[in-house]
Amino acid sequence: SARATTRPIRSRGGEALDLLQAMHTGHRGTLGTIHANGTADALRRLETLVMLAESGLPVTAVREQIFTALDAVVHVERGPSMGKRQVAEVAMLDPNDSVNYRVVVASGRPVTDR
C-alpha cells in the first residue's frame, strides 16, 4: 500500500541524508520540504545539506541518490494578493543526465545546467 511521509529539511545535514535514505526504502509517496529560491536552488541546497552530514559519500554518489529518489520538484511562493501560497514552478530531473541532474521545467524549457 502507498503511504505518504512528509519531512522538513532544515539546516542540519543529517535531516537531508535521512530523507534521501527514506526515499530509497521502496515506499512510494515520500515528500520533503526545503527552503530555496526555485527548483534548481532546491536541488543544490539538498545536495549541500546531504554533504554536510559528513557521510563520506562522494558528490557523484549524492547526485545519483538525489536523481533516483526524486521525480519532481515543486517551487511554491507567496502570491502578491494576501500572501497566499501558489505554485511558481514545477520541474523534473532530466533522465538523460543522472550525474548533473539537469532541471527541466514541466513544459520542457531548460531552467539550468549544473
N, C-alpha and C. Protein backbone atom coordinates (compact mmCIF):
# COMPACT_ATOMS: atom_id res chain seq x y z
N SER A 1 0.84 -1.18 0.00
CA SER A 1 0.00 0.00 0.00
C SER A 1 0.88 1.24 0.00
N ALA A 2 0.37 2.30 -0.57
CA ALA A 2 1.12 3.55 -0.65
C ALA A 2 0.95 4.33 0.64
N ARG A 3 2.01 5.01 1.03
CA ARG A 3 1.91 5.88 2.19
C ARG A 3 2.69 7.14 1.91
N ALA A 4 2.25 8.22 2.49
CA ALA A 4 2.93 9.50 2.31
C ALA A 4 3.70 9.82 3.58
N THR A 5 4.95 10.20 3.41
CA THR A 5 5.78 10.61 4.52
C THR A 5 6.24 12.02 4.23
N THR A 6 6.03 12.93 5.16
CA THR A 6 6.46 14.31 4.97
C THR A 6 7.54 14.63 5.98
N ARG A 7 8.64 15.18 5.51
CA ARG A 7 9.73 15.56 6.39
C ARG A 7 10.27 16.92 5.98
N PRO A 8 10.35 17.86 6.92
CA PRO A 8 11.00 19.14 6.60
C PRO A 8 12.51 18.96 6.65
N ILE A 9 13.20 19.63 5.75
CA ILE A 9 14.65 19.60 5.74
C ILE A 9 15.11 20.98 6.19
N ARG A 10 15.81 21.03 7.30
CA ARG A 10 16.25 22.31 7.85
C ARG A 10 17.73 22.48 7.60
N SER A 11 18.40 23.13 8.51
CA SER A 11 19.79 23.49 8.28
C SER A 11 20.79 22.39 8.62
N ARG A 12 20.35 21.32 9.25
CA ARG A 12 21.28 20.26 9.62
C ARG A 12 21.34 19.22 8.50
N GLY A 13 22.53 18.82 8.13
CA GLY A 13 22.71 17.89 7.04
C GLY A 13 22.12 16.52 7.28
N GLY A 14 22.06 16.09 8.54
CA GLY A 14 21.54 14.77 8.86
C GLY A 14 20.11 14.57 8.43
N GLU A 15 19.29 15.62 8.52
CA GLU A 15 17.89 15.52 8.11
C GLU A 15 17.79 15.26 6.61
N ALA A 16 18.63 15.93 5.84
CA ALA A 16 18.62 15.75 4.39
C ALA A 16 19.03 14.33 4.02
N LEU A 17 20.06 13.83 4.67
CA LEU A 17 20.50 12.47 4.40
C LEU A 17 19.44 11.46 4.83
N ASP A 18 18.80 11.68 5.98
CA ASP A 18 17.73 10.79 6.44
C ASP A 18 16.59 10.75 5.44
N LEU A 19 16.20 11.91 4.92
CA LEU A 19 15.11 11.96 3.94
C LEU A 19 15.50 11.20 2.67
N LEU A 20 16.71 11.43 2.21
CA LEU A 20 17.17 10.76 0.99
C LEU A 20 17.18 9.24 1.19
N GLN A 21 17.62 8.80 2.35
CA GLN A 21 17.63 7.37 2.65
C GLN A 21 16.19 6.83 2.72
N ALA A 22 15.28 7.58 3.31
CA ALA A 22 13.88 7.15 3.40
C ALA A 22 13.26 7.02 2.01
N MET A 23 13.67 7.87 1.08
CA MET A 23 13.14 7.82 -0.28
C MET A 23 13.62 6.57 -1.02
N HIS A 24 14.65 5.93 -0.53
CA HIS A 24 15.20 4.75 -1.18
C HIS A 24 14.79 3.45 -0.51
N THR A 25 13.76 3.47 0.32
CA THR A 25 13.34 2.26 1.02
C THR A 25 12.30 1.47 0.26
N GLY A 26 11.85 1.97 -0.88
CA GLY A 26 10.86 1.26 -1.67
C GLY A 26 9.43 1.71 -1.40
N HIS A 27 9.25 2.60 -0.42
CA HIS A 27 7.92 3.13 -0.15
C HIS A 27 7.65 4.32 -1.07
N ARG A 28 6.49 4.32 -1.68
CA ARG A 28 6.13 5.42 -2.57
C ARG A 28 5.44 6.51 -1.76
N GLY A 29 5.54 7.74 -2.22
CA GLY A 29 4.80 8.83 -1.61
C GLY A 29 5.56 9.65 -0.60
N THR A 30 6.88 9.66 -0.65
CA THR A 30 7.65 10.48 0.27
C THR A 30 7.68 11.91 -0.22
N LEU A 31 7.52 12.84 0.70
CA LEU A 31 7.50 14.26 0.38
C LEU A 31 8.39 14.99 1.36
N GLY A 32 9.22 15.88 0.87
CA GLY A 32 10.07 16.68 1.73
C GLY A 32 9.92 18.14 1.38
N THR A 33 10.19 19.00 2.34
CA THR A 33 10.14 20.44 2.09
C THR A 33 11.52 21.03 2.38
N ILE A 34 11.88 22.04 1.60
CA ILE A 34 13.18 22.70 1.76
C ILE A 34 13.01 24.15 1.33
N HIS A 35 13.69 25.05 2.01
CA HIS A 35 13.63 26.47 1.65
C HIS A 35 14.65 26.74 0.55
N ALA A 36 14.18 27.31 -0.56
CA ALA A 36 15.06 27.63 -1.69
C ALA A 36 14.35 28.68 -2.56
N ASN A 37 15.11 29.27 -3.47
CA ASN A 37 14.58 30.31 -4.35
C ASN A 37 14.03 29.77 -5.65
N GLY A 38 14.00 28.48 -5.83
CA GLY A 38 13.49 27.88 -7.05
C GLY A 38 13.83 26.41 -7.07
N THR A 39 13.43 25.73 -8.13
CA THR A 39 13.64 24.28 -8.20
C THR A 39 15.12 23.92 -8.31
N ALA A 40 15.86 24.65 -9.13
CA ALA A 40 17.30 24.35 -9.27
C ALA A 40 18.02 24.62 -7.96
N ASP A 41 17.67 25.71 -7.28
CA ASP A 41 18.29 26.02 -5.99
C ASP A 41 17.95 24.95 -4.95
N ALA A 42 16.74 24.41 -5.00
CA ALA A 42 16.34 23.37 -4.05
C ALA A 42 17.23 22.14 -4.21
N LEU A 43 17.53 21.76 -5.44
CA LEU A 43 18.40 20.61 -5.68
C LEU A 43 19.82 20.86 -5.18
N ARG A 44 20.34 22.06 -5.46
CA ARG A 44 21.69 22.39 -4.99
C ARG A 44 21.73 22.43 -3.46
N ARG A 45 20.68 22.96 -2.84
CA ARG A 45 20.63 23.03 -1.38
C ARG A 45 20.54 21.63 -0.78
N LEU A 46 19.71 20.77 -1.37
CA LEU A 46 19.60 19.40 -0.88
C LEU A 46 20.96 18.70 -0.96
N GLU A 47 21.64 18.86 -2.08
CA GLU A 47 22.97 18.26 -2.24
C GLU A 47 23.92 18.78 -1.17
N THR A 48 23.93 20.08 -0.95
CA THR A 48 24.81 20.68 0.05
C THR A 48 24.51 20.17 1.44
N LEU A 49 23.22 20.07 1.78
CA LEU A 49 22.85 19.60 3.11
C LEU A 49 23.22 18.13 3.32
N VAL A 50 23.08 17.32 2.29
CA VAL A 50 23.50 15.92 2.40
C VAL A 50 25.01 15.84 2.62
N MET A 51 25.75 16.67 1.91
CA MET A 51 27.20 16.68 2.07
C MET A 51 27.59 17.14 3.47
N LEU A 52 26.82 18.03 4.09
CA LEU A 52 27.09 18.49 5.45
C LEU A 52 26.92 17.38 6.49
N ALA A 53 26.22 16.32 6.12
CA ALA A 53 26.01 15.21 7.05
C ALA A 53 27.30 14.42 7.26
N GLU A 54 28.33 14.72 6.49
CA GLU A 54 29.64 14.08 6.61
C GLU A 54 29.54 12.55 6.56
N SER A 55 28.77 12.06 5.60
CA SER A 55 28.60 10.62 5.45
C SER A 55 29.78 9.98 4.74
N GLY A 56 30.61 10.80 4.13
CA GLY A 56 31.74 10.26 3.39
C GLY A 56 31.40 9.92 1.95
N LEU A 57 30.14 10.13 1.56
CA LEU A 57 29.74 9.86 0.18
C LEU A 57 30.35 10.90 -0.75
N PRO A 58 30.90 10.48 -1.90
CA PRO A 58 31.38 11.46 -2.87
C PRO A 58 30.20 12.19 -3.51
N VAL A 59 30.45 13.38 -4.00
CA VAL A 59 29.37 14.21 -4.56
C VAL A 59 28.65 13.50 -5.71
N THR A 60 29.37 12.71 -6.50
CA THR A 60 28.70 11.99 -7.59
C THR A 60 27.70 10.97 -7.06
N ALA A 61 28.01 10.33 -5.95
CA ALA A 61 27.08 9.38 -5.34
C ALA A 61 25.86 10.10 -4.77
N VAL A 62 26.08 11.27 -4.16
CA VAL A 62 24.97 12.05 -3.63
C VAL A 62 24.04 12.46 -4.78
N ARG A 63 24.61 12.94 -5.88
CA ARG A 63 23.80 13.35 -7.03
C ARG A 63 23.01 12.17 -7.59
N GLU A 64 23.64 11.02 -7.67
CA GLU A 64 22.96 9.82 -8.17
C GLU A 64 21.80 9.45 -7.25
N GLN A 65 22.00 9.55 -5.94
CA GLN A 65 20.92 9.24 -5.00
C GLN A 65 19.77 10.22 -5.14
N ILE A 66 20.09 11.50 -5.30
CA ILE A 66 19.04 12.51 -5.49
C ILE A 66 18.28 12.23 -6.78
N PHE A 67 19.01 11.91 -7.84
CA PHE A 67 18.38 11.64 -9.15
C PHE A 67 17.41 10.47 -9.07
N THR A 68 17.82 9.40 -8.39
CA THR A 68 16.96 8.22 -8.34
C THR A 68 15.82 8.37 -7.33
N ALA A 69 15.96 9.28 -6.37
CA ALA A 69 14.93 9.45 -5.34
C ALA A 69 13.81 10.39 -5.77
N LEU A 70 14.12 11.40 -6.57
CA LEU A 70 13.14 12.44 -6.89
C LEU A 70 12.51 12.25 -8.26
N ASP A 71 11.21 12.50 -8.32
CA ASP A 71 10.51 12.54 -9.60
C ASP A 71 10.29 13.97 -10.05
N ALA A 72 9.93 14.83 -9.10
CA ALA A 72 9.61 16.21 -9.42
C ALA A 72 10.00 17.12 -8.27
N VAL A 73 10.22 18.38 -8.60
CA VAL A 73 10.49 19.42 -7.61
C VAL A 73 9.47 20.52 -7.88
N VAL A 74 8.76 20.92 -6.84
CA VAL A 74 7.73 21.96 -6.96
C VAL A 74 8.15 23.14 -6.11
N HIS A 75 8.21 24.32 -6.74
CA HIS A 75 8.55 25.55 -6.01
C HIS A 75 7.26 26.31 -5.75
N VAL A 76 7.01 26.58 -4.47
CA VAL A 76 5.82 27.32 -4.05
C VAL A 76 6.27 28.63 -3.45
N GLU A 77 5.58 29.72 -3.81
CA GLU A 77 5.92 31.02 -3.22
C GLU A 77 4.65 31.78 -2.89
N ARG A 78 4.81 32.79 -2.09
CA ARG A 78 3.65 33.61 -1.71
C ARG A 78 3.28 34.51 -2.87
N GLY A 79 1.99 34.53 -3.18
CA GLY A 79 1.50 35.38 -4.25
C GLY A 79 1.35 36.81 -3.80
N PRO A 80 1.16 37.74 -4.75
CA PRO A 80 1.08 39.16 -4.41
C PRO A 80 -0.20 39.53 -3.65
N SER A 81 -1.25 38.76 -3.82
CA SER A 81 -2.51 39.11 -3.16
C SER A 81 -2.68 38.32 -1.87
N MET A 82 -2.70 38.98 -0.77
CA MET A 82 -2.98 38.42 0.55
C MET A 82 -1.97 37.35 0.97
N GLY A 83 -0.85 37.26 0.28
CA GLY A 83 0.20 36.35 0.71
C GLY A 83 -0.10 34.87 0.59
N LYS A 84 -1.10 34.51 -0.20
CA LYS A 84 -1.41 33.09 -0.37
C LYS A 84 -0.32 32.41 -1.17
N ARG A 85 -0.03 31.18 -0.79
CA ARG A 85 1.00 30.41 -1.50
C ARG A 85 0.44 29.89 -2.82
N GLN A 86 1.32 29.89 -3.82
CA GLN A 86 0.93 29.38 -5.13
C GLN A 86 2.12 28.69 -5.77
N VAL A 87 1.83 27.75 -6.66
CA VAL A 87 2.90 27.04 -7.37
C VAL A 87 3.52 28.00 -8.38
N ALA A 88 4.82 28.19 -8.26
CA ALA A 88 5.54 29.09 -9.16
C ALA A 88 6.27 28.33 -10.25
N GLU A 89 6.68 27.08 -9.95
CA GLU A 89 7.47 26.32 -10.91
C GLU A 89 7.39 24.83 -10.57
N VAL A 90 7.27 24.03 -11.60
CA VAL A 90 7.33 22.58 -11.44
C VAL A 90 8.43 22.09 -12.37
N ALA A 91 9.34 21.31 -11.83
CA ALA A 91 10.47 20.82 -12.63
C ALA A 91 10.65 19.33 -12.41
N MET A 92 11.26 18.70 -13.40
CA MET A 92 11.59 17.28 -13.33
C MET A 92 13.09 17.15 -13.56
N LEU A 93 13.64 16.00 -13.16
CA LEU A 93 15.04 15.75 -13.45
C LEU A 93 15.14 15.12 -14.83
N ASP A 94 16.10 15.56 -15.60
CA ASP A 94 16.30 15.05 -16.95
C ASP A 94 16.84 13.62 -16.86
N PRO A 95 16.07 12.62 -17.33
CA PRO A 95 16.51 11.23 -17.20
C PRO A 95 17.77 10.91 -18.01
N ASN A 96 18.17 11.80 -18.90
CA ASN A 96 19.36 11.57 -19.70
C ASN A 96 20.63 12.08 -19.03
N ASP A 97 20.51 12.69 -17.86
CA ASP A 97 21.68 13.26 -17.20
C ASP A 97 21.60 13.03 -15.70
N SER A 98 21.93 11.82 -15.27
CA SER A 98 21.79 11.46 -13.86
C SER A 98 22.90 12.00 -12.99
N VAL A 99 24.03 12.36 -13.56
CA VAL A 99 25.13 12.86 -12.75
C VAL A 99 24.96 14.35 -12.46
N ASN A 100 24.55 15.10 -13.45
CA ASN A 100 24.42 16.55 -13.29
C ASN A 100 23.00 16.99 -12.94
N TYR A 101 22.07 16.08 -12.95
CA TYR A 101 20.64 16.32 -12.79
C TYR A 101 20.19 17.66 -13.31
N ARG A 102 20.20 17.75 -14.62
CA ARG A 102 19.71 18.95 -15.29
C ARG A 102 18.23 19.11 -14.98
N VAL A 103 17.84 20.31 -14.60
CA VAL A 103 16.46 20.60 -14.25
C VAL A 103 15.72 21.06 -15.50
N VAL A 104 14.58 20.46 -15.76
CA VAL A 104 13.76 20.82 -16.90
C VAL A 104 12.36 21.15 -16.40
N VAL A 105 11.87 22.34 -16.74
CA VAL A 105 10.52 22.72 -16.36
C VAL A 105 9.55 21.79 -17.06
N ALA A 106 8.40 21.54 -16.45
CA ALA A 106 7.43 20.60 -16.99
C ALA A 106 7.10 20.87 -18.44
N SER A 107 7.19 22.11 -18.90
CA SER A 107 6.90 22.43 -20.28
C SER A 107 8.03 21.98 -21.21
N GLY A 108 9.18 21.62 -20.66
CA GLY A 108 10.31 21.19 -21.46
C GLY A 108 11.39 22.24 -21.61
N ARG A 109 11.16 23.44 -21.08
CA ARG A 109 12.14 24.53 -21.18
C ARG A 109 13.23 24.33 -20.14
N PRO A 110 14.51 24.27 -20.55
CA PRO A 110 15.58 24.11 -19.55
C PRO A 110 15.64 25.29 -18.59
N VAL A 111 15.82 24.99 -17.31
CA VAL A 111 15.96 26.04 -16.31
C VAL A 111 17.42 26.30 -16.03
N THR A 112 18.20 25.24 -15.84
CA THR A 112 19.61 25.40 -15.52
C THR A 112 20.35 24.11 -15.79
N ASP A 113 21.62 24.23 -15.99
CA ASP A 113 22.51 23.07 -16.04
C ASP A 113 23.42 23.18 -14.85
N ARG A 114 23.69 22.08 -14.21
CA ARG A 114 24.53 22.08 -13.02
C ARG A 114 25.92 21.64 -13.40
